Structure formats: structure tokens, C-alpha cells
Amino acid sequence: MTAASAPSTSSTAPAADAAARLTAPPVLAEAVVAALLSAARADGPAPLALDGATPGSLLGWVRSADGLALEREFRFADFSAAFGFMAAVALAAEKADHHPEWFNVYNRVSVRWTTHDAGGITRRDVALALRCQQLAQGLGAV
């Protein structure tokens, strides 16, 4: 086999890196959150106020493996606190006419915000993720 026809190992490294990124979505970095907040503001009035939001406001959220949603798991002291959080988010979601995908087991609530008809994350998702943060902090999420 000549050097020109020898298989290259460098072509497998990018594929392995891409696979690793898909299996473990990174926590949203401040730069990504800042860009999301900027886009949300530039896109017109949001259903919930983004005033006072900072890049640190969404830390802990991750972009889904498919890149189409914001996701986070919240943990509370017990089921009652978790259910109270869900009830509060449900009221905010109804007011904004935008609803989460979520899952609850005892004291854990997994939340996913996406806009299906837009094919991904929109200002509404960012605004409601911010609202989730506020509500979770108020209810003592850990």
C-alpha cells in the first residue's frame, strides 16, 4: 500500500467529536445564552418580559441533542414542591399560549421548550425558560 492510498486516521476524529457532542449536549455557555437573548429581543415583543435577563439567567439549561429545544431538569424538596412548580409554569404557559413538553417523577421535573411550527427555539421558548428559572428559584429548586 502506498502512502497515497493509506487510510487516514484524521478523518475519523471529526466524526467521533460530532458523535460525542450529540450524546452529551453541552450546558449553554454564556455566549450562546447572550445570543439567544439578543435574538429574542431583536425579534419583537416577547410574550413574557426579557428585561433584566442576563447571560447567567439560563445557565443550567442545555440545547437538546437535535438542537431544536431548550431542556432542563429541576429538583425540588418533595413532590408537592415539584407539582407546585408545574402548576405555576402551567399558568405562565397558558398566559403566553405556549406550552412545554415535560415529565415529572416525584421531586424531579424535566422541561423542554421548543416551537414546533417554527422548527426550533424561538423567543417564546427563551422567555418561558427564564420564567421557569424564576419560579424554580422561588420554590427552592436544588
N, C-alpha and C. Protein backbone atom coordinates (compact mmCIF):
# COMPACT_ATOMS: atom_id res chain seq x y z
N MET A 1 0.86 -1.18 0.00
CA MET A 1 0.00 0.00 0.00
C MET A 1 0.90 1.23 0.00
N THR A 2 0.62 2.17 -0.85
CA THR A 2 1.42 3.39 -0.93
C THR A 2 0.89 4.40 0.06
N ALA A 3 1.70 5.43 0.30
CA ALA A 3 1.30 6.47 1.24
C ALA A 3 0.04 7.18 0.76
N ALA A 4 -0.10 7.30 -0.57
CA ALA A 4 -1.28 7.99 -1.10
C ALA A 4 -2.56 7.19 -0.88
N SER A 5 -2.45 5.84 -0.80
CA SER A 5 -3.66 5.05 -0.64
C SER A 5 -3.88 4.57 0.80
N ALA A 6 -3.00 4.94 1.71
CA ALA A 6 -3.13 4.52 3.10
C ALA A 6 -4.33 5.23 3.72
N PRO A 7 -5.10 4.50 4.54
CA PRO A 7 -6.25 5.14 5.18
C PRO A 7 -5.79 6.24 6.13
N SER A 8 -6.54 7.29 6.19
CA SER A 8 -6.21 8.41 7.05
C SER A 8 -6.98 8.28 8.36
N THR A 9 -6.30 8.48 9.47
CA THR A 9 -6.97 8.44 10.77
C THR A 9 -7.56 9.79 11.14
N SER A 10 -7.12 10.83 10.45
CA SER A 10 -7.63 12.16 10.80
C SER A 10 -9.09 12.34 10.42
N SER A 11 -9.60 11.58 9.45
CA SER A 11 -11.00 11.74 9.06
C SER A 11 -11.96 11.15 10.08
N THR A 12 -11.51 10.25 10.94
CA THR A 12 -12.41 9.68 11.94
C THR A 12 -12.53 10.56 13.17
N ALA A 13 -11.55 11.40 13.44
CA ALA A 13 -11.61 12.26 14.63
C ALA A 13 -12.79 13.21 14.59
N PRO A 14 -13.05 13.93 13.47
CA PRO A 14 -14.22 14.82 13.48
C PRO A 14 -15.53 14.07 13.68
N ALA A 15 -15.64 12.87 13.12
CA ALA A 15 -16.87 12.09 13.29
C ALA A 15 -17.04 11.69 14.76
N ALA A 16 -15.96 11.30 15.40
CA ALA A 16 -16.03 10.93 16.82
C ALA A 16 -16.39 12.14 17.66
N ASP A 17 -15.83 13.31 17.34
CA ASP A 17 -16.16 14.53 18.07
C ASP A 17 -17.63 14.88 17.91
N ALA A 18 -18.14 14.75 16.68
CA ALA A 18 -19.55 15.05 16.43
C ALA A 18 -20.45 14.10 17.20
N ALA A 19 -20.10 12.83 17.23
CA ALA A 19 -20.90 11.84 17.97
C ALA A 19 -20.90 12.17 19.45
N ALA A 20 -19.77 12.58 19.98
CA ALA A 20 -19.68 12.92 21.40
C ALA A 20 -20.56 14.13 21.71
N ARG A 21 -20.58 15.11 20.81
CA ARG A 21 -21.41 16.29 21.04
C ARG A 21 -22.89 15.93 21.01
N LEU A 22 -23.29 14.97 20.20
CA LEU A 22 -24.70 14.58 20.13
C LEU A 22 -25.13 13.80 21.36
N THR A 23 -24.24 13.01 21.93
CA THR A 23 -24.63 12.20 23.07
C THR A 23 -24.62 12.97 24.38
N ALA A 24 -23.88 14.06 24.45
CA ALA A 24 -23.82 14.84 25.67
C ALA A 24 -23.97 16.32 25.33
N PRO A 25 -25.22 16.81 25.24
CA PRO A 25 -25.39 18.21 24.86
C PRO A 25 -24.76 19.12 25.91
N PRO A 26 -24.02 20.13 25.48
CA PRO A 26 -23.34 20.99 26.44
C PRO A 26 -24.31 21.92 27.13
N VAL A 27 -23.96 22.29 28.34
CA VAL A 27 -24.72 23.32 29.04
C VAL A 27 -24.53 24.60 28.24
N LEU A 28 -25.58 25.35 28.09
CA LEU A 28 -25.50 26.57 27.30
C LEU A 28 -24.46 27.51 27.90
N ALA A 29 -23.48 27.87 27.11
CA ALA A 29 -22.46 28.80 27.53
C ALA A 29 -23.03 30.21 27.55
N GLU A 30 -22.40 31.08 28.31
CA GLU A 30 -22.90 32.45 28.41
C GLU A 30 -23.01 33.12 27.05
N ALA A 31 -22.07 32.86 26.15
CA ALA A 31 -22.11 33.48 24.82
C ALA A 31 -23.35 33.02 24.05
N VAL A 32 -23.70 31.74 24.17
CA VAL A 32 -24.88 31.21 23.49
C VAL A 32 -26.14 31.82 24.08
N VAL A 33 -26.19 31.90 25.40
CA VAL A 33 -27.36 32.49 26.06
C VAL A 33 -27.48 33.96 25.68
N ALA A 34 -26.37 34.68 25.65
CA ALA A 34 -26.40 36.09 25.26
C ALA A 34 -26.96 36.23 23.84
N ALA A 35 -26.54 35.35 22.95
CA ALA A 35 -27.04 35.39 21.57
C ALA A 35 -28.53 35.09 21.52
N LEU A 36 -28.99 34.11 22.31
CA LEU A 36 -30.42 33.80 22.36
C LEU A 36 -31.22 34.99 22.87
N LEU A 37 -30.72 35.63 23.93
CA LEU A 37 -31.42 36.79 24.49
C LEU A 37 -31.44 37.93 23.49
N SER A 38 -30.33 38.15 22.81
CA SER A 38 -30.25 39.21 21.81
C SER A 38 -31.24 38.95 20.68
N ALA A 39 -31.28 37.72 20.20
CA ALA A 39 -32.20 37.37 19.12
C ALA A 39 -33.64 37.51 19.59
N ALA A 40 -33.91 37.14 20.83
CA ALA A 40 -35.26 37.24 21.35
C ALA A 40 -35.71 38.69 21.38
N ARG A 41 -34.84 39.57 21.81
CA ARG A 41 -35.20 40.99 21.86
C ARG A 41 -35.34 41.57 20.46
N ALA A 42 -34.47 41.16 19.55
CA ALA A 42 -34.49 41.71 18.20
C ALA A 42 -35.69 41.23 17.41
N ASP A 43 -36.32 40.16 17.86
CA ASP A 43 -37.42 39.55 17.13
C ASP A 43 -38.77 40.14 17.50
N GLY A 44 -38.79 41.23 18.22
CA GLY A 44 -40.04 41.86 18.58
C GLY A 44 -40.46 41.54 19.99
N PRO A 45 -41.62 41.97 20.39
CA PRO A 45 -42.04 41.78 21.78
C PRO A 45 -42.24 40.31 22.10
N ALA A 46 -41.70 39.90 23.21
CA ALA A 46 -41.83 38.52 23.66
C ALA A 46 -43.11 38.38 24.48
N PRO A 47 -43.66 37.18 24.60
CA PRO A 47 -44.89 37.01 25.38
C PRO A 47 -44.65 37.27 26.86
N LEU A 48 -43.43 37.11 27.33
CA LEU A 48 -43.06 37.45 28.70
C LEU A 48 -41.87 38.39 28.63
N ALA A 49 -41.75 39.29 29.57
CA ALA A 49 -40.67 40.27 29.53
C ALA A 49 -39.30 39.61 29.65
N LEU A 50 -38.36 40.07 28.82
CA LEU A 50 -36.98 39.62 28.91
C LEU A 50 -36.12 40.69 29.57
N ASP A 51 -36.73 41.80 29.98
CA ASP A 51 -35.98 42.87 30.61
C ASP A 51 -35.31 42.34 31.88
N GLY A 52 -34.06 42.70 32.04
CA GLY A 52 -33.31 42.27 33.21
C GLY A 52 -32.69 40.90 33.06
N ALA A 53 -32.95 40.22 31.95
CA ALA A 53 -32.34 38.91 31.73
C ALA A 53 -30.86 39.09 31.43
N THR A 54 -30.06 38.19 31.95
CA THR A 54 -28.63 38.24 31.71
C THR A 54 -28.19 36.90 31.15
N PRO A 55 -26.97 36.84 30.59
CA PRO A 55 -26.49 35.54 30.10
C PRO A 55 -26.51 34.47 31.18
N GLY A 56 -26.33 34.84 32.45
CA GLY A 56 -26.38 33.85 33.52
C GLY A 56 -27.78 33.35 33.83
N SER A 57 -28.81 34.00 33.29
CA SER A 57 -30.19 33.64 33.59
C SER A 57 -30.56 32.23 33.16
N LEU A 58 -29.96 31.73 32.09
CA LEU A 58 -30.31 30.41 31.57
C LEU A 58 -29.23 29.37 31.80
N LEU A 59 -28.25 29.68 32.61
CA LEU A 59 -27.23 28.67 32.87
C LEU A 59 -27.89 27.47 33.55
N GLY A 60 -27.52 26.29 33.12
CA GLY A 60 -28.16 25.08 33.61
C GLY A 60 -29.07 24.47 32.56
N TRP A 61 -29.53 25.28 31.63
CA TRP A 61 -30.31 24.77 30.51
C TRP A 61 -29.34 24.22 29.48
N VAL A 62 -29.79 23.23 28.72
CA VAL A 62 -28.98 22.68 27.64
C VAL A 62 -29.77 22.78 26.35
N ARG A 63 -29.03 22.87 25.26
CA ARG A 63 -29.66 22.76 23.94
C ARG A 63 -29.82 21.27 23.70
N SER A 64 -30.97 20.85 23.25
CA SER A 64 -31.24 19.42 23.03
C SER A 64 -30.25 18.84 22.01
N ALA A 65 -30.12 17.53 22.02
CA ALA A 65 -29.20 16.86 21.10
C ALA A 65 -29.52 17.19 19.64
N ASP A 66 -30.80 17.38 19.33
CA ASP A 66 -31.17 17.72 17.95
C ASP A 66 -31.08 19.22 17.68
N GLY A 67 -30.76 20.02 18.72
CA GLY A 67 -30.60 21.45 18.56
C GLY A 67 -31.89 22.24 18.46
N LEU A 68 -33.02 21.58 18.67
CA LEU A 68 -34.31 22.22 18.44
C LEU A 68 -35.02 22.71 19.70
N ALA A 69 -34.41 22.50 20.87
CA ALA A 69 -35.12 22.83 22.10
C ALA A 69 -34.15 23.22 23.21
N LEU A 70 -34.70 23.89 24.22
CA LEU A 70 -34.00 24.15 25.47
C LEU A 70 -34.53 23.14 26.48
N GLU A 71 -33.63 22.51 27.24
CA GLU A 71 -34.04 21.48 28.19
C GLU A 71 -33.37 21.70 29.54
N ARG A 72 -34.08 21.29 30.59
CA ARG A 72 -33.51 21.36 31.93
C ARG A 72 -34.30 20.45 32.85
N GLU A 73 -33.61 19.88 33.82
CA GLU A 73 -34.28 19.14 34.89
C GLU A 73 -34.16 19.93 36.17
N PHE A 74 -35.28 20.10 36.86
CA PHE A 74 -35.32 20.77 38.15
C PHE A 74 -35.58 19.72 39.22
N ARG A 75 -34.96 19.91 40.39
CA ARG A 75 -35.19 19.04 41.55
C ARG A 75 -35.70 19.90 42.71
N PHE A 76 -36.71 19.37 43.37
CA PHE A 76 -37.33 20.08 44.48
C PHE A 76 -37.26 19.23 45.74
N ALA A 77 -37.67 19.80 46.85
CA ALA A 77 -37.60 19.09 48.13
C ALA A 77 -38.51 17.85 48.14
N ASP A 78 -39.66 17.95 47.49
CA ASP A 78 -40.61 16.84 47.50
C ASP A 78 -41.58 16.97 46.33
N PHE A 79 -42.51 16.03 46.27
CA PHE A 79 -43.48 16.02 45.17
C PHE A 79 -44.35 17.26 45.18
N SER A 80 -44.77 17.72 46.36
CA SER A 80 -45.65 18.89 46.43
C SER A 80 -44.98 20.13 45.84
N ALA A 81 -43.71 20.32 46.13
CA ALA A 81 -42.99 21.47 45.57
C ALA A 81 -42.84 21.33 44.05
N ALA A 82 -42.56 20.11 43.59
CA ALA A 82 -42.43 19.88 42.15
C ALA A 82 -43.76 20.14 41.45
N PHE A 83 -44.85 19.66 42.04
CA PHE A 83 -46.16 19.87 41.44
C PHE A 83 -46.57 21.34 41.48
N GLY A 84 -46.20 22.03 42.56
CA GLY A 84 -46.46 23.47 42.65
C GLY A 84 -45.75 24.22 41.54
N PHE A 85 -44.51 23.83 41.25
CA PHE A 85 -43.75 24.41 40.14
C PHE A 85 -44.47 24.17 38.82
N MET A 86 -44.92 22.95 38.61
CA MET A 86 -45.62 22.63 37.36
C MET A 86 -46.90 23.46 37.23
N ALA A 87 -47.62 23.63 38.32
CA ALA A 87 -48.85 24.43 38.27
C ALA A 87 -48.54 25.89 37.93
N ALA A 88 -47.48 26.43 38.53
CA ALA A 88 -47.10 27.82 38.25
C ALA A 88 -46.65 27.99 36.80
N VAL A 89 -45.88 27.03 36.29
CA VAL A 89 -45.44 27.08 34.89
C VAL A 89 -46.65 26.94 33.96
N ALA A 90 -47.59 26.09 34.33
CA ALA A 90 -48.79 25.91 33.51
C ALA A 90 -49.56 27.22 33.37
N LEU A 91 -49.65 27.99 34.43
CA LEU A 91 -50.35 29.28 34.36
C LEU A 91 -49.60 30.25 33.44
N ALA A 92 -48.27 30.30 33.56
CA ALA A 92 -47.46 31.17 32.68
C ALA A 92 -47.57 30.72 31.23
N ALA A 93 -47.59 29.41 31.02
CA ALA A 93 -47.69 28.86 29.66
C ALA A 93 -49.04 29.20 29.03
N GLU A 94 -50.10 29.08 29.80
CA GLU A 94 -51.43 29.42 29.30
C GLU A 94 -51.50 30.89 28.92
N LYS A 95 -50.95 31.74 29.79
CA LYS A 95 -50.97 33.18 29.54
C LYS A 95 -50.21 33.51 28.25
N ALA A 96 -49.10 32.81 28.00
CA ALA A 96 -48.29 33.05 26.80
C ALA A 96 -48.79 32.25 25.59
N ASP A 97 -49.74 31.36 25.81
CA ASP A 97 -50.23 30.46 24.76
C ASP A 97 -49.09 29.68 24.12
N HIS A 98 -48.24 29.14 24.99
CA HIS A 98 -47.08 28.35 24.56
C HIS A 98 -46.81 27.33 25.66
N HIS A 99 -46.75 26.06 25.31
CA HIS A 99 -46.77 25.02 26.32
C HIS A 99 -45.54 24.12 26.24
N PRO A 100 -45.04 23.67 27.40
CA PRO A 100 -43.82 22.85 27.41
C PRO A 100 -44.11 21.38 27.15
N GLU A 101 -43.06 20.69 26.82
CA GLU A 101 -43.06 19.23 26.91
C GLU A 101 -42.39 18.97 28.25
N TRP A 102 -42.99 18.14 29.08
CA TRP A 102 -42.37 17.90 30.38
C TRP A 102 -42.71 16.53 30.94
N PHE A 103 -41.95 16.18 31.98
CA PHE A 103 -42.06 14.88 32.59
C PHE A 103 -41.76 15.04 34.07
N ASN A 104 -42.55 14.38 34.91
CA ASN A 104 -42.39 14.51 36.37
C ASN A 104 -42.30 13.14 37.01
N VAL A 105 -41.31 12.96 37.87
CA VAL A 105 -41.20 11.80 38.74
C VAL A 105 -40.85 12.33 40.13
N TYR A 106 -41.72 12.11 41.07
CA TYR A 106 -41.59 12.54 42.45
C TYR A 106 -41.13 14.00 42.56
N ASN A 107 -39.85 14.25 42.90
CA ASN A 107 -39.39 15.62 43.12
C ASN A 107 -38.65 16.21 41.92
N ARG A 108 -38.67 15.51 40.78
CA ARG A 108 -37.95 15.97 39.59
C ARG A 108 -38.94 16.35 38.49
N VAL A 109 -38.62 17.46 37.81
CA VAL A 109 -39.43 17.89 36.67
C VAL A 109 -38.46 18.21 35.53
N SER A 110 -38.61 17.50 34.42
CA SER A 110 -37.83 17.76 33.22
C SER A 110 -38.68 18.61 32.29
N VAL A 111 -38.12 19.73 31.83
CA VAL A 111 -38.85 20.67 31.00
C VAL A 111 -38.13 20.83 29.67
N ARG A 112 -38.90 20.88 28.59
CA ARG A 112 -38.36 21.09 27.24
C ARG A 112 -39.20 22.16 26.56
N TRP A 113 -38.53 23.23 26.12
CA TRP A 113 -39.21 24.30 25.39
C TRP A 113 -38.75 24.28 23.94
N THR A 114 -39.70 24.21 23.03
CA THR A 114 -39.44 24.28 21.60
C THR A 114 -40.68 24.84 20.92
N THR A 115 -40.51 25.36 19.73
CA THR A 115 -41.65 25.85 18.97
C THR A 115 -41.74 24.99 17.71
N HIS A 116 -42.66 24.06 17.72
CA HIS A 116 -42.76 23.08 16.63
C HIS A 116 -43.01 23.73 15.27
N ASP A 117 -43.94 24.68 15.22
CA ASP A 117 -44.25 25.26 13.91
C ASP A 117 -43.13 26.14 13.37
N ALA A 118 -42.20 26.58 14.22
CA ALA A 118 -41.04 27.35 13.76
C ALA A 118 -39.83 26.44 13.53
N GLY A 119 -39.94 25.20 13.97
CA GLY A 119 -38.84 24.25 13.78
C GLY A 119 -37.65 24.46 14.69
N GLY A 120 -37.88 24.99 15.89
CA GLY A 120 -36.76 25.15 16.80
C GLY A 120 -37.04 26.14 17.91
N ILE A 121 -35.97 26.71 18.44
CA ILE A 121 -36.04 27.61 19.59
C ILE A 121 -36.40 29.01 19.11
N THR A 122 -37.40 29.60 19.78
CA THR A 122 -37.81 30.97 19.47
C THR A 122 -37.78 31.81 20.74
N ARG A 123 -38.10 33.09 20.59
CA ARG A 123 -38.12 33.99 21.75
C ARG A 123 -39.09 33.52 22.82
N ARG A 124 -40.16 32.86 22.41
CA ARG A 124 -41.13 32.37 23.40
C ARG A 124 -40.49 31.30 24.28
N ASP A 125 -39.68 30.44 23.69
CA ASP A 125 -39.01 29.39 24.45
C ASP A 125 -38.02 29.99 25.45
N VAL A 126 -37.28 30.99 25.00
CA VAL A 126 -36.31 31.66 25.87
C VAL A 126 -37.04 32.35 27.02
N ALA A 127 -38.10 33.07 26.70
CA ALA A 127 -38.85 33.79 27.72
C ALA A 127 -39.44 32.84 28.76
N LEU A 128 -39.97 31.72 28.31
CA LEU A 128 -40.59 30.79 29.25
C LEU A 128 -39.54 29.98 30.02
N ALA A 129 -38.40 29.74 29.43
CA ALA A 129 -37.31 29.12 30.19
C ALA A 129 -36.86 30.05 31.30
N LEU A 130 -36.77 31.34 30.99
CA LEU A 130 -36.44 32.33 32.03
C LEU A 130 -37.49 32.32 33.15
N ARG A 131 -38.75 32.24 32.76
CA ARG A 131 -39.82 32.22 33.77
C ARG A 131 -39.71 30.96 34.63
N CYS A 132 -39.38 29.84 34.02
CA CYS A 132 -39.16 28.60 34.79
C CYS A 132 -38.06 28.80 35.82
N GLN A 133 -36.97 29.45 35.41
CA GLN A 133 -35.86 29.72 36.33
C GLN A 133 -36.36 30.49 37.54
N GLN A 134 -37.11 31.56 37.28
CA GLN A 134 -37.61 32.40 38.36
C GLN A 134 -38.53 31.62 39.30
N LEU A 135 -39.43 30.86 38.72
CA LEU A 135 -40.38 30.10 39.54
C LEU A 135 -39.67 29.02 40.34
N ALA A 136 -38.73 28.33 39.72
CA ALA A 136 -37.99 27.25 40.40
C ALA A 136 -37.19 27.82 41.57
N GLN A 137 -36.55 28.96 41.37
CA GLN A 137 -35.78 29.57 42.45
C GLN A 137 -36.69 29.96 43.61
N GLY A 138 -37.85 30.49 43.26
CA GLY A 138 -38.81 30.88 44.29
C GLY A 138 -39.36 29.71 45.09
N LEU A 139 -39.34 28.52 44.49
CA LEU A 139 -39.85 27.33 45.16
C LEU A 139 -38.73 26.47 45.73
N GLY A 140 -37.52 27.00 45.74
CA GLY A 140 -36.40 26.30 46.38
C GLY A 140 -35.82 25.14 45.60
N ALA A 141 -35.85 25.21 44.28
CA ALA A 141 -35.25 24.12 43.48
C ALA A 141 -33.77 23.99 43.84
N VAL A 142 -33.32 22.75 43.82
CA VAL A 142 -31.91 22.48 44.12
C VAL A 142 -31.17 22.08 42.86
